Amino acid sequence: MKTIIAACSQNLSGSRASIQTALRTLLAAPWPSQRDIRSWLQLLSVLQWVLSFLLLGTVSLLLLIYLVFTSFWPISALYLAWIIFDWDTPEKGGRRLPCLRRWSVWRHFRDYFPVKLVKTHDLSPSHNYIIGSHPHGIPCVGAFCNFITGSTGFGEMFPGIRPFLTTLAGNFRLPVFREYLMSGGLCPVTRRAIGYLLSKNGTGNAVAIVIGGAAESLSCRPGITTLILKNRKGFVRMALQHGAYLVPSFSFGENDLFRQVVFEEGSWMRSIQQRFQKMMGFAPCVFYGRGLTSVRSRGFLPYARPITTVVGEPVTVPKIEDPSSETVDMYHEMYVRSLLKLFNENKTKYGLSETDELHI
């Protein structure tokens, strides 16, 4: 018995010594600094944004289909009824939630790159505006962060102006994802939706349109800025029909967030990409960014590169219900000149050299 008690005492003493050693090791280990914690929060904020756009709609759709075959089928039935009832809401200004635009996550999202908004001229709340957003890049980080979140101070810089951002109409057919998009101020890039904001929603509306669209993303690469704009004149016609002023904006650094395999014009891979883009509305780019665990690893997260969105001088546009082609061409040329002026006056301030040119 004494032998057993002695053995137990030795085991207890050994256990206490092991615990004390472990505690000393833990306390001696370096704790994460505030800088480390901020970096983690910034990375997580970007991760949730990427996953939301990649998976939220598809996962929600699959989940609702699965629930149809379970005892929870009323959930799918009720949501289907809601979508039918709410079908036209995206085309009529959506359903903005100011609390979501002020979500603290967006501040970490902004600081990850970081993203900055620069104002060059005032926008009067007594007019409506179409803001041309350039370039498209891969994920449109600059346009999203500046026009959808309140993290860069758009509301303070342009008091009385309500920003909206257009995106593919098909995104608003995906369950749950449509609610997420509308809550931030996104709307379909359709004539009906844009026309509603410019004519039936009062004044002080600024509709941001990524003019180059998905086709422009195929030419996105660091150090080269090529815009698809020469034959994109529909936004000018809409501006004339509603008397909305045209405002150029350029996001310096947008093309530096990912590395893309760019296939040359005329190649069979480029042809496949273009056909897919015409059928589906978005381009299947072959690109990569950084991984989740390390900057040196490859993954689907954007690289941390500074983005500066400069909003230029408004081009005054009269209201002409049925503008002629000549009138559209004239104001399109005025817009292009204003965009080139904006680019050339700011390129050396935000990472480009004096010899860099904007290809249109």
Foldseek 3Di string as FASTA:
>chain_A
DVVVVVVVVVVVVVVVVVVVVVVVVVVPDDDDDPVNVLLLLLLVLLVVVVCLVVPVLVVQVVVLVVCCPDPNVVVSVVLVVVCVVCVCQLLQQFAAALVVLAPPSLLSPCVLQPEEEAEDDADDQQAEAEEAEDDCAAPNSNCCSQQQHCNRPPCVRHPNARGAEEDAPVQCVGPPSVNVRRHRRYHHPDLSSVLNQLAVVGGRYYYYYNQQFQLSNLVQAPPAAEGDQPPRLPVLLSCQQRQHWYKYKYKPPSSQFKHWDHDDPPDPVVVVQVVCCVVPVHGDTHIWAADSPDRPHIHHGTHNHYIYMYIFDIHGHHHDNDDDPVVSVVVSVVNVVRNQVVCQVCVVVRPHDNPHHHHD
